[in-house]
C-alpha atoms as a PDB file:
ATOM      1  CA  MET A   1     117.599  15.672 118.810  1.00  0.00           C
ATOM      2  CA  GLU A   2     119.353  13.080 116.683  1.00  0.00           C
ATOM      3  CA  PHE A   3     116.838  13.644 113.885  1.00  0.00           C
ATOM      4  CA  PHE A   4     117.494  17.394 114.033  1.00  0.00           C
ATOM      5  CA  ASN A   5     121.247  16.826 113.755  1.00  0.00           C
ATOM      6  CA  SER A   6     120.838  14.566 110.725  1.00  0.00           C
ATOM      7  CA  ALA A   7     118.469  17.088 109.113  1.00  0.00           C
ATOM      8  CA  VAL A   8     121.083  19.824 109.575  1.00  0.00           C
ATOM      9  CA  ASP A   9     123.708  17.585 107.971  1.00  0.00           C
ATOM     10  CA  VAL A  10     121.438  17.028 104.964  1.00  0.00           C
ATOM     11  CA  LEU A  11     120.828  20.765 104.626  1.00  0.00           C
ATOM     12  CA  LYS A  12     124.567  21.450 104.783  1.00  0.00           C
ATOM     13  CA  THR A  13     125.145  18.890 102.024  1.00  0.00           C
ATOM     14  CA  LEU A  14     122.437  20.465  99.855  1.00  0.00           C
ATOM     15  CA  VAL A  15     123.865  23.955 100.356  1.00  0.00           C
ATOM     16  CA  VAL A  16     127.389  22.796  99.489  1.00  0.00           C
ATOM     17  CA  ALA A  17     126.141  20.938  96.405  1.00  0.00           C
ATOM     18  CA  LEU A  18     124.122  23.952  95.270  1.00  0.00           C
ATOM     19  CA  GLY A  19     127.084  26.272  95.787  1.00  0.00           C
ATOM     20  CA  ALA A  20     129.393  23.958  93.855  1.00  0.00           C
ATOM     21  CA  GLY A  21     126.861  23.685  91.022  1.00  0.00           C
ATOM     22  CA  LEU A  22     126.495  27.455  90.783  1.00  0.00           C
ATOM     23  CA  GLY A  23     130.280  27.863  90.882  1.00  0.00           C
ATOM     24  CA  VAL A  24     130.785  25.407  88.032  1.00  0.00           C
ATOM     25  CA  TRP A  25     127.969  27.006  85.998  1.00  0.00           C
ATOM     26  CA  GLY A  26     129.469  30.463  86.515  1.00  0.00           C
ATOM     27  CA  ALA A  27     132.957  29.274  85.557  1.00  0.00           C
ATOM     28  CA  VAL A  28     131.633  27.657  82.376  1.00  0.00           C
ATOM     29  CA  ASN A  29     129.815  30.860  81.425  1.00  0.00           C
ATOM     30  CA  LEU A  30     132.969  32.900  81.995  1.00  0.00           C
ATOM     31  CA  MET A  31     135.037  30.483  79.911  1.00  0.00           C
ATOM     32  CA  GLU A  32     132.494  30.749  77.086  1.00  0.00           C
ATOM     33  CA  GLY A  33     132.781  34.532  77.062  1.00  0.00           C
ATOM     34  CA  TYR A  34     129.484  35.266  78.853  1.00  0.00           C
ATOM     35  CA  GLY A  35     127.264  36.931  76.228  1.00  0.00           C
ATOM     36  CA  GLY A  36     130.295  37.966  74.194  1.00  0.00           C
ATOM     37  CA  ASP A  37     131.378  36.446  70.906  1.00  0.00           C
ATOM     38  CA  ASN A  38     129.565  33.184  71.638  1.00  0.00           C
ATOM     39  CA  PRO A  39     125.929  33.505  70.457  1.00  0.00           C
ATOM     40  CA  SER A  40     124.890  30.383  72.402  1.00  0.00           C
ATOM     41  CA  ALA A  41     125.929  31.902  75.748  1.00  0.00           C
END
């Protein structure tokens, strides 16, 4: 059961990291004017 608990903790960490990464990526795209006047967006 200890292994299961540690596996759940790892999954939680991965989910939080993925969510934070997507949040930062989305914020950067919004700041750059997502597909607007910035041709590189």
